[in-house]
Amino acid sequence: RGFFSTEARITKDGTAYVIDPCCRLPSPPSQLYWIMISNWADILWEGAAGTVVDPKLEAKWGAELILTSDWATTNWQPIAFPDDVRDNVRITNLTMIEGKYYFVPQDIEMPEIGGVAALGDTMEEAIKAVREIAEEVEGYCIETNAGALDAAKDQVEKLKEFGIEL
């Protein structure tokens, strides 16, 4: 009656091995879920009663980049970005002080401080949009691994080996 997803590895013969049952909103891709799915209220309300509601998707494709900062593992991290991309930038452990956004570190030191997500009608559009938005996020030692998008694109191509076309 709550969130559940899995991470799996698929062999060339098609056998899938679950490597992580996630009884939570995983990160990634939960930052993308919030902008990609438009009927969250129905999903949560009905899901609590055991009724599954199919998500209504705002676009065919979405892309996400994780924001990291090694400095933020032990320090409050100020983060700035334009107001028009606020829905696309999702900060973990967020607080706002005097109009400024901050990631607040926790007892478990992790460099992942949030994510940037964007939508598109094609994979290429979503990737281009998320890269552009990520470039607008500013803060001390904040990084993204934009190369991960190229690797993901390669993985989508490899799915064709298994007869899967997206």
Foldseek 3Di string as FASTA:
>chain_A
DADWDFDWDADLVGDIDTDDIDRHQDPPPVLQVQVFFDPVVCQVVVVVVVDHDDTDGPEPDKDKWWKFAQVQLADKKWKDADPVQVSFWFFPCWDADPRTIIRHHDPGRDGGGTMGMAHDNDLVVNLVVRVVRVVRMDIPRIDTPSVVSVVVVVVQVVCVSVVDHD
